[in-house]
């Protein structure tokens, strides 16, 4: 494995022979910008046995995985949530799971909460309400005394949110794009996924949580309360097993708007953005993406360059019309992004881009109901997988706190593609790629 970086950000120590060239380039791009994220450089890299990573497809399956792992908690649970609706079944199930635990467990819940102006921006609320964060309002009241619950909030009126959805349980990690919300239930619910990653990302996810917890807006309620890392089994134990490198990349909350009249901010330098750009820059033949929203000009241009100059193939799966109310005013809708993307392609490369609108096979294709793919997934050359909370739009890449994991293993990548990507890509609706144009319609 690429060893943890020392001062000066130089490689040191041994390498595991299975590390790919692509992973090395991603690490080289991400680590030097560690100070623009939430995790120290030496904690961003880890080792994991890819055969022990559990993958589940579907929002309700993700919820079941989360509840099952919470039931097995021994000491400490850390949860970051962008949306936490107390009346949803998953929150009720989490509460019941905590009530069934008989030994002492400390639970830290960090919830993003939209203040009134942000509710208008995100949801178009006409009569927004002041958010509350006591246990009863979050559906976690009357827990047994052995469950020590600490609640932190990030309340904001700006567009900048804590969009992360990572869960840390005694050093094991669950990453998902799924919010704790009612819209994820039922045959037409938002489609998402989850990964359970044992041990290998423990330090990174813990210290990301701690960094965000220490910035919580309700810190004055209990300023001395903060999670303590107790130490876990060293990743050294993986060296003689079927191990692979994992890189945990993050960015930070930025309140400055990326798009104003006559002004567009460049893509910020941070571990998460740099990892994306390096993955695309050093890809050789195939990039597969599933994402709710895409409108970052730098990402679009990098993908177009991959197609035009390296004869690469891009497979892009998104939801038609998702978040159009917001995206139309902040970077562009998915449709406008596709139009602009296709306008950048050389005529003899048009077929190298395949775009599909997310569609379930059991639904009527002519239904007016918008279907939502909420999973954030990228596979590069069938070797590296990037998975986490981040969209590829201005809001995620410029303003929100996001986290992704980069996993370098061809067998795992194939398993993730087969379980998470291909089944939904194959049932989705192809989008016509228009002939080359010259205008920037994504702005």
Protein backbone atom coordinates (compact mmCIF):
# COMPACT_ATOMS: atom_id res chain seq x y z
CA UNK A 1 0.00 0.00 0.00
CA UNK A 2 1.01 3.59 -0.42
CA UNK A 3 2.20 4.38 3.06
CA UNK A 4 0.74 7.18 5.14
CA UNK A 5 2.25 10.48 4.16
CA UNK A 6 4.81 12.13 6.37
CA UNK A 7 5.72 15.80 6.63
CA UNK A 8 6.56 17.08 3.19
CA UNK A 9 3.89 14.80 1.74
CA UNK A 10 6.31 12.31 0.23
CA UNK A 11 5.75 8.60 -0.18
CA UNK A 12 7.56 6.46 2.36
CA UNK A 13 7.85 2.80 3.22
CA UNK A 14 6.67 -0.24 1.33
CA UNK A 15 4.05 -0.57 -1.34
CA UNK A 16 1.64 -3.40 -1.81
CA UNK A 17 2.15 -4.78 -5.30
CA UNK A 18 -1.55 -4.71 -6.11
CA UNK A 19 -1.81 -0.92 -5.91
CA UNK A 20 -2.77 0.38 -9.33
CA UNK A 21 -1.20 3.25 -11.23
CA UNK A 22 -4.59 4.96 -11.19
CA UNK A 23 -4.80 4.78 -7.39
CA UNK A 24 -1.31 6.19 -7.02
CA UNK A 25 -2.21 9.19 -9.18
CA UNK A 26 -5.41 9.78 -7.18
CA UNK A 27 -3.48 9.65 -3.92
CA UNK A 28 -0.81 12.00 -5.27
CA UNK A 29 -3.50 14.50 -6.17
CA UNK A 30 -5.56 14.24 -2.98
CA UNK A 31 -3.07 14.05 -0.13
CA UNK A 32 -1.23 17.38 -0.63
CA UNK A 33 -4.53 19.25 -0.19
CA UNK A 34 -5.37 17.54 3.10
CA UNK A 35 -5.50 20.88 4.90
CA UNK A 36 -8.46 21.82 2.67
CA UNK A 37 -10.44 18.86 4.01
CA UNK A 38 -11.24 17.61 7.50
CA UNK A 39 -8.68 14.81 7.98
CA UNK A 40 -4.93 14.92 8.53
CA UNK A 41 -2.91 13.54 5.62
CA UNK A 42 -1.57 10.59 7.62
CA UNK A 43 -5.10 9.41 8.42
CA UNK A 44 -6.56 9.49 4.90
CA UNK A 45 -5.10 6.17 3.73
CA UNK A 46 -5.97 2.76 5.04
CA UNK A 47 -6.07 -0.95 4.24
CA UNK A 48 -9.11 -3.18 4.02
CA UNK A 49 -9.87 -6.70 2.93
CA UNK A 50 -12.22 -6.06 -0.03
CA UNK A 51 -13.90 -9.43 0.46
CA UNK A 52 -15.18 -8.18 3.82
CA UNK A 53 -16.88 -5.10 2.36
CA UNK A 54 -20.64 -5.61 2.31
CA UNK A 55 -22.64 -4.01 -0.51
CA UNK A 56 -26.39 -3.52 -0.50
CA UNK A 57 -28.57 -1.98 -3.21
CA UNK A 58 -31.77 -0.10 -2.45
CA UNK A 59 -32.58 2.48 0.20
CA UNK A 60 -34.58 0.13 2.39
CA UNK A 61 -31.77 -2.44 2.20
CA UNK A 62 -29.37 0.29 3.31
CA UNK A 63 -31.62 1.04 6.27
CA UNK A 64 -31.75 -2.62 7.27
CA UNK A 65 -27.95 -2.81 7.15
CA UNK A 66 -27.63 0.28 9.35
CA UNK A 67 -30.11 -0.98 11.94
CA UNK A 68 -28.52 -4.45 12.00
CA UNK A 69 -25.05 -3.03 12.67
CA UNK A 70 -26.36 -0.65 15.35
CA UNK A 71 -27.85 -3.64 17.18
CA UNK A 72 -24.32 -5.11 17.37
CA UNK A 73 -22.72 -1.92 18.77
CA UNK A 74 -20.47 -2.41 21.78
CA UNK A 75 -19.21 1.05 22.81
CA UNK A 76 -19.66 3.97 20.45
CA UNK A 77 -21.83 5.05 17.50
CA UNK A 78 -21.24 8.18 15.42
CA UNK A 79 -23.86 9.27 12.87
CA UNK A 80 -23.80 12.19 10.46
CA UNK A 81 -27.13 12.89 8.75
CA UNK A 82 -28.16 15.48 6.18
CA UNK A 83 -31.89 14.72 6.54
CA UNK A 84 -33.30 13.16 9.71
CA UNK A 85 -37.08 12.80 9.68
CA UNK A 86 -38.15 11.52 13.11
CA UNK A 87 -41.37 9.92 11.90
CA UNK A 88 -39.73 7.62 9.37
CA UNK A 89 -39.55 3.89 9.97
CA UNK A 90 -35.75 3.82 9.90
CA UNK A 91 -35.52 6.32 12.77
CA UNK A 92 -38.06 4.27 14.72
CA UNK A 93 -36.03 1.14 13.99
CA UNK A 94 -32.81 2.83 15.12
CA UNK A 95 -34.49 3.89 18.36
CA UNK A 96 -35.77 0.35 18.94
CA UNK A 97 -32.33 -1.08 18.24
CA UNK A 98 -30.80 1.27 20.81
CA UNK A 99 -33.47 0.36 23.35
CA UNK A 100 -32.62 -3.33 22.93
CA UNK A 101 -28.95 -2.78 23.82
CA UNK A 102 -28.35 -3.75 27.47
CA UNK A 103 -24.82 -2.43 27.97
CA UNK A 104 -23.60 1.16 27.92
CA UNK A 105 -23.19 2.69 24.46
CA UNK A 106 -22.36 6.29 23.66
CA UNK A 107 -24.18 7.73 20.63
CA UNK A 108 -23.21 10.94 18.86
CA UNK A 109 -25.75 12.19 16.32
CA UNK A 110 -24.76 15.16 14.14
CA UNK A 111 -27.68 16.45 12.09
CA UNK A 112 -27.71 19.09 9.37
CA UNK A 113 -30.71 21.36 9.81
CA UNK A 114 -31.95 23.96 7.37
CA UNK A 115 -32.87 27.29 8.87
CA UNK A 116 -35.70 29.26 7.30
CA UNK A 117 -33.89 30.75 4.29
CA UNK A 118 -32.16 27.45 3.51
CA UNK A 119 -35.53 25.67 3.58
CA UNK A 120 -36.70 27.99 0.83
CA UNK A 121 -33.56 27.32 -1.28
CA UNK A 122 -33.50 23.54 -0.84
CA UNK A 123 -37.20 22.71 -0.74
CA UNK A 124 -39.09 25.79 -1.89
CA UNK A 125 -40.85 25.99 1.47
CA UNK A 126 -43.46 28.76 1.61
CA UNK A 127 -43.82 28.78 5.42
CA UNK A 128 -40.48 27.53 6.79
CA UNK A 129 -40.21 26.68 10.48
CA UNK A 130 -37.39 27.09 12.97
CA UNK A 131 -35.61 23.73 13.38
CA UNK A 132 -35.51 21.92 16.73
CA UNK A 133 -33.02 19.35 17.91
CA UNK A 134 -34.08 17.94 21.27
CA UNK A 135 -34.36 14.12 21.48
CA UNK A 136 -38.16 14.15 21.25
CA UNK A 137 -38.12 16.27 18.08
CA UNK A 138 -35.61 13.84 16.56
CA UNK A 139 -37.58 10.74 17.53
CA UNK A 140 -35.02 9.55 20.08
CA UNK A 141 -36.69 10.37 23.38
CA UNK A 142 -37.05 7.98 26.32
CA UNK A 143 -33.94 5.95 25.55
CA UNK A 144 -32.71 3.70 28.37
CA UNK A 145 -30.12 5.14 30.75
CA UNK A 146 -27.36 2.94 29.36
CA UNK A 147 -27.62 4.77 26.01
CA UNK A 148 -25.74 8.06 26.31
CA UNK A 149 -27.09 10.24 23.50
CA UNK A 150 -25.34 13.45 22.41
CA UNK A 151 -26.96 15.60 19.72
CA UNK A 152 -25.08 18.08 17.56
CA UNK A 153 -26.50 20.27 14.81
CA UNK A 154 -25.32 22.28 11.87
CA UNK A 155 -28.09 24.85 11.50
CA UNK A 156 -27.61 27.16 8.53
CA UNK A 157 -29.35 29.74 6.41
CA UNK A 158 -26.71 29.54 3.69
CA UNK A 159 -26.59 26.97 0.89
CA UNK A 160 -23.59 25.34 2.58
CA UNK A 161 -24.61 22.13 4.37
CA UNK A 162 -23.15 19.08 6.04
CA UNK A 163 -24.23 16.62 3.35
CA UNK A 164 -22.29 13.66 4.74
CA UNK A 165 -24.07 10.42 5.70
CA UNK A 166 -21.30 8.31 7.24
CA UNK A 167 -21.92 6.05 10.24
CA UNK A 168 -19.12 4.82 12.53
CA UNK A 169 -19.79 1.86 14.83
CA UNK A 170 -16.90 0.70 17.03
CA UNK A 171 -14.43 1.29 14.21
CA UNK A 172 -16.49 -0.19 11.41
CA UNK A 173 -18.02 2.16 8.86
CA UNK A 174 -21.22 2.35 6.85
CA UNK A 175 -21.21 4.76 3.92
CA UNK A 176 -24.43 5.61 2.14
CA UNK A 177 -26.03 8.33 0.10
CA UNK A 178 -29.37 7.66 1.76
CA UNK A 179 -30.99 10.30 3.91
CA UNK A 180 -33.21 9.26 6.79
CA UNK A 181 -36.42 10.28 5.05
CA UNK A 182 -39.81 8.97 3.98
CA UNK A 183 -39.08 9.57 0.28
CA UNK A 184 -36.78 6.54 0.29
CA UNK A 185 -39.62 4.08 0.96
CA UNK A 186 -41.90 2.23 -1.40
CA UNK A 187 -41.65 1.08 -5.03
CA UNK A 188 -41.08 4.66 -6.23
CA UNK A 189 -38.77 5.71 -3.41
CA UNK A 190 -35.38 7.29 -4.01
CA UNK A 191 -32.93 4.59 -5.05
CA UNK A 192 -29.76 4.40 -2.98
CA UNK A 193 -27.18 1.95 -1.68
CA UNK A 194 -24.75 1.38 1.18
CA UNK A 195 -21.36 -0.14 1.90
CA UNK A 196 -20.19 -1.64 5.17
CA UNK A 197 -16.41 -1.31 5.48
CA UNK A 198 -14.73 -3.00 8.45
CA UNK A 199 -11.83 -1.25 10.19
CA UNK A 200 -9.85 0.08 7.22
CA UNK A 201 -11.42 3.55 7.16
CA UNK A 202 -11.93 3.80 10.92
CA UNK A 203 -9.55 6.63 11.77
CA UNK A 204 -10.47 8.74 8.77
CA UNK A 205 -14.22 8.54 9.34
CA UNK A 206 -13.82 9.11 13.08
CA UNK A 207 -11.70 12.23 12.72
CA UNK A 208 -13.93 13.62 10.00
CA UNK A 209 -16.84 13.25 12.40
CA UNK A 210 -14.88 14.87 15.22
CA UNK A 211 -13.89 17.81 13.01
CA UNK A 212 -17.52 18.45 12.10
CA UNK A 213 -18.76 17.80 15.64
CA UNK A 214 -16.37 20.39 17.03
CA UNK A 215 -17.87 22.92 14.58
CA UNK A 216 -21.49 22.19 15.51
CA UNK A 217 -23.73 25.23 15.86
CA UNK A 218 -25.15 24.10 19.21
CA UNK A 219 -21.73 23.61 20.82
CA UNK A 220 -22.68 25.95 23.68
CA UNK A 221 -25.19 23.33 24.90
CA UNK A 222 -22.35 21.03 26.02
CA UNK A 223 -18.97 22.41 24.90
CA UNK A 224 -16.92 19.74 26.67
CA UNK A 225 -18.62 16.76 25.00
CA UNK A 226 -16.68 15.19 22.12
CA UNK A 227 -16.06 11.62 20.94
CA UNK A 228 -12.78 10.00 21.95
CA UNK A 229 -10.94 7.63 19.64
CA UNK A 230 -10.10 4.53 21.64
CA UNK A 231 -7.86 2.83 19.08
CA UNK A 232 -8.57 -0.27 17.06
CA UNK A 233 -6.83 -3.22 15.50
CA UNK A 234 -4.02 -1.93 13.32
CA UNK A 235 -4.29 -2.20 9.57
CA UNK A 236 -0.93 -3.96 9.82
CA UNK A 237 -2.95 -7.18 10.28
CA UNK A 238 -4.19 -6.86 6.71
CA UNK A 239 -0.73 -6.91 5.15
CA UNK A 240 -0.65 -10.68 4.78
CA UNK A 241 -4.25 -10.96 3.62
CA UNK A 242 -6.12 -10.03 0.49
CA UNK A 243 -5.81 -6.33 1.29
CA UNK A 244 -6.28 -3.26 -0.84
CA UNK A 245 -5.75 0.45 -0.40
CA UNK A 246 -8.60 2.76 0.54
CA UNK A 247 -8.45 6.54 0.54
CA UNK A 248 -10.99 8.64 2.42
CA UNK A 249 -11.41 12.08 0.89
CA UNK A 250 -13.39 15.03 2.22
CA UNK A 251 -14.02 18.70 1.68
CA UNK A 252 -15.20 21.46 3.98
CA UNK A 253 -18.22 23.72 4.22
CA UNK A 254 -17.78 26.90 2.18
CA UNK A 255 -20.43 29.60 2.30
CA UNK A 256 -19.21 31.64 -0.67
CA UNK A 257 -21.42 31.23 -3.73
CA UNK A 258 -19.73 29.56 -6.69
CA UNK A 259 -22.00 31.20 -9.25
CA UNK A 260 -22.97 34.86 -9.45
CA UNK A 261 -23.87 37.16 -12.35
CA UNK A 262 -20.76 37.43 -14.55
CA UNK A 263 -18.74 35.23 -12.18
CA UNK A 264 -18.10 31.52 -11.79
CA UNK A 265 -15.63 30.28 -9.19
CA UNK A 266 -13.06 27.68 -10.25
CA UNK A 267 -13.28 24.22 -8.73
CA UNK A 268 -11.74 24.43 -5.22
CA UNK A 269 -8.59 22.49 -4.44
CA UNK A 270 -9.40 19.89 -1.80
CA UNK A 271 -8.94 16.12 -1.38
CA UNK A 272 -12.40 15.22 -2.68
CA UNK A 273 -12.32 17.39 -5.80
CA UNK A 274 -8.70 16.51 -6.56
CA UNK A 275 -9.49 12.80 -6.30
CA UNK A 276 -12.34 13.13 -8.80
CA UNK A 277 -10.25 15.13 -11.26
CA UNK A 278 -7.27 12.76 -11.04
CA UNK A 279 -9.51 9.72 -11.50
CA UNK A 280 -10.87 11.17 -14.74
CA UNK A 281 -7.51 12.53 -15.91
CA UNK A 282 -5.74 9.18 -15.58
CA UNK A 283 -8.60 6.93 -16.67
CA UNK A 284 -7.72 4.76 -19.67
CA UNK A 285 -10.91 3.36 -21.18
CA UNK A 286 -14.15 3.38 -19.15
CA UNK A 287 -15.88 5.56 -16.55
CA UNK A 288 -19.26 4.55 -15.14
CA UNK A 289 -21.17 7.14 -13.10
CA UNK A 290 -24.43 7.18 -11.19
CA UNK A 291 -25.22 10.50 -9.56
CA UNK A 292 -28.32 12.56 -8.71
CA UNK A 293 -26.94 15.84 -10.08
CA UNK A 294 -24.10 16.88 -12.40
CA UNK A 295 -23.27 20.42 -13.51
CA UNK A 296 -19.64 21.10 -12.55
CA UNK A 297 -17.96 22.56 -15.66
CA UNK A 298 -14.57 21.15 -14.66
CA UNK A 299 -15.96 17.63 -14.31
CA UNK A 300 -17.82 17.90 -17.62
CA UNK A 301 -14.76 19.22 -19.46
CA UNK A 302 -12.54 16.50 -17.96
CA UNK A 303 -14.98 13.80 -19.08
CA UNK A 304 -15.21 15.32 -22.56
CA UNK A 305 -11.41 15.41 -22.79
CA UNK A 306 -11.32 11.74 -21.76
CA UNK A 307 -13.67 10.90 -24.63
CA UNK A 308 -12.18 13.16 -27.31
CA UNK A 309 -8.47 12.70 -26.66
CA UNK A 310 -8.26 9.17 -25.25
CA UNK A 311 -11.21 7.55 -26.99
CA UNK A 312 -12.67 6.86 -23.56
CA UNK A 313 -16.22 5.68 -22.92
CA UNK A 314 -18.47 7.34 -20.33
CA UNK A 315 -21.67 5.78 -19.00
CA UNK A 316 -23.74 8.31 -17.07
CA UNK A 317 -26.89 7.54 -15.07
CA UNK A 318 -28.94 10.37 -13.54
CA UNK A 319 -32.51 11.23 -12.58
CA UNK A 320 -34.59 13.26 -15.01
CA UNK A 321 -35.66 16.56 -13.49
CA UNK A 322 -34.22 15.87 -10.04
CA UNK A 323 -33.64 19.07 -8.05
CA UNK A 324 -34.41 21.19 -11.13
CA UNK A 325 -35.93 23.95 -8.98
CA UNK A 326 -32.59 24.46 -7.24
CA UNK A 327 -30.11 23.42 -9.91
CA UNK A 328 -31.62 25.67 -12.58
CA UNK A 329 -30.37 28.67 -10.61
CA UNK A 330 -27.13 27.17 -9.38
CA UNK A 331 -25.11 25.59 -12.15
CA UNK A 332 -27.74 24.05 -14.38
CA UNK A 333 -30.16 21.13 -14.54
CA UNK A 334 -29.18 17.59 -15.49
CA UNK A 335 -30.67 18.11 -18.95
CA UNK A 336 -28.67 21.29 -19.55
CA UNK A 337 -25.53 19.54 -18.33
CA UNK A 338 -26.08 16.72 -20.83
CA UNK A 339 -26.67 19.22 -23.62
CA UNK A 340 -23.46 21.04 -22.80
CA UNK A 341 -21.48 17.82 -22.36
CA UNK A 342 -22.57 16.54 -25.76
CA UNK A 343 -21.74 19.89 -27.35
CA UNK A 344 -18.09 19.39 -26.38
CA UNK A 345 -17.73 16.02 -28.09
CA UNK A 346 -16.14 15.53 -31.48
CA UNK A 347 -18.54 14.15 -34.07
CA UNK A 348 -16.73 10.83 -34.28
CA UNK A 349 -16.86 10.46 -30.48
CA UNK A 350 -20.58 11.06 -29.90
CA UNK A 351 -21.25 7.35 -29.42
CA UNK A 352 -18.65 7.18 -26.65
CA UNK A 353 -21.09 8.89 -24.30
CA UNK A 354 -24.11 6.93 -23.11
CA UNK A 355 -26.54 8.77 -20.84
CA UNK A 356 -29.62 7.24 -19.26
CA UNK A 357 -32.43 8.53 -17.10
CA UNK A 358 -32.94 6.31 -14.09
CA UNK A 359 -35.96 4.06 -14.58
CA UNK A 360 -37.20 0.97 -12.76
CA UNK A 361 -38.22 -1.95 -14.93
CA UNK A 362 -41.53 -2.37 -13.10
CA UNK A 363 -42.64 1.22 -13.75
CA UNK A 364 -44.51 2.64 -16.72
CA UNK A 365 -42.01 4.42 -18.96
CA UNK A 366 -44.60 7.05 -19.78
CA UNK A 367 -45.35 7.80 -16.14
CA UNK A 368 -44.97 11.47 -15.26
CA UNK A 369 -43.62 10.59 -11.84
CA UNK A 370 -39.95 11.51 -11.62
CA UNK A 371 -37.75 8.65 -10.54
CA UNK A 372 -34.73 9.48 -8.44
CA UNK A 373 -31.34 7.80 -8.46
CA UNK A 374 -29.77 9.04 -5.22
CA UNK A 375 -26.68 6.82 -5.20
CA UNK A 376 -23.30 8.52 -5.77
CA UNK A 377 -21.06 6.03 -7.55
CA UNK A 378 -18.13 6.13 -9.95
CA UNK A 379 -16.10 3.24 -11.33
CA UNK A 380 -12.94 3.90 -13.32
CA UNK A 381 -11.49 1.27 -15.67
CA UNK A 382 -13.06 -1.52 -13.61
CA UNK A 383 -10.28 -0.97 -11.06
CA UNK A 384 -11.13 1.92 -8.76
CA UNK A 385 -14.48 2.74 -7.15
CA UNK A 386 -15.35 6.14 -5.69
CA UNK A 387 -18.41 6.02 -3.46
CA UNK A 388 -19.96 8.31 -0.89
CA UNK A 389 -22.15 11.36 -0.39
CA UNK A 390 -21.03 13.74 -3.12
CA UNK A 391 -22.95 14.88 -6.15
CA UNK A 392 -21.01 16.28 -9.10
CA UNK A 393 -22.65 19.69 -8.97
CA UNK A 394 -21.64 23.12 -7.70
CA UNK A 395 -23.44 22.66 -4.40
CA UNK A 396 -21.50 19.52 -3.44
CA UNK A 397 -18.11 20.40 -4.89
CA UNK A 398 -18.02 24.08 -3.89
CA UNK A 399 -20.15 24.48 -0.77
CA UNK A 400 -21.17 21.33 1.11
CA UNK A 401 -19.23 19.01 3.38
CA UNK A 402 -18.95 15.71 1.51
CA UNK A 403 -17.04 12.48 2.02
CA UNK A 404 -16.09 9.71 -0.42
CA UNK A 405 -14.08 6.55 -0.17
CA UNK A 406 -11.76 5.46 -3.00
CA UNK A 407 -11.28 1.69 -3.16
CA UNK A 408 -8.54 0.18 -5.32
CA UNK A 409 -9.33 -3.42 -6.19
CA UNK A 410 -10.46 -4.85 -9.52
CA UNK A 411 -12.43 -7.75 -8.03
CA UNK A 412 -14.27 -5.43 -5.68
CA UNK A 413 -14.91 -2.95 -8.50
CA UNK A 414 -16.46 -5.69 -10.61
CA UNK A 415 -18.63 -6.80 -7.70
CA UNK A 416 -19.78 -3.23 -7.08
CA UNK A 417 -20.54 -2.68 -10.77
CA UNK A 418 -22.54 -5.91 -10.98
CA UNK A 419 -24.50 -5.30 -7.78
CA UNK A 420 -24.96 -1.52 -7.76
CA UNK A 421 -24.62 -0.21 -11.31
CA UNK A 422 -25.48 -2.59 -14.13
CA UNK A 423 -28.91 -3.74 -12.86
CA UNK A 424 -30.24 -0.18 -12.78
CA UNK A 425 -28.34 1.12 -15.81
CA UNK A 426 -29.74 -1.65 -18.00
CA UNK A 427 -33.37 -0.84 -17.13
CA UNK A 428 -32.98 2.92 -17.48
CA UNK A 429 -34.00 5.06 -20.45
CA UNK A 430 -31.38 6.11 -23.04
CA UNK A 431 -31.01 9.84 -23.65
CA UNK A 432 -30.46 11.14 -27.17
CA UNK A 433 -27.03 12.75 -27.56
CA UNK A 434 -27.44 15.86 -29.70
CA UNK A 435 -25.00 16.97 -32.42
CA UNK A 436 -22.14 19.25 -31.46
CA UNK A 437 -23.11 22.79 -30.47
CA UNK A 438 -21.14 25.86 -29.51
CA UNK A 439 -23.05 27.58 -26.70
CA UNK A 440 -22.59 27.05 -22.99
CA UNK A 441 -26.07 25.98 -21.94
CA UNK A 442 -24.99 24.72 -18.54
CA UNK A 443 -24.48 28.17 -17.06
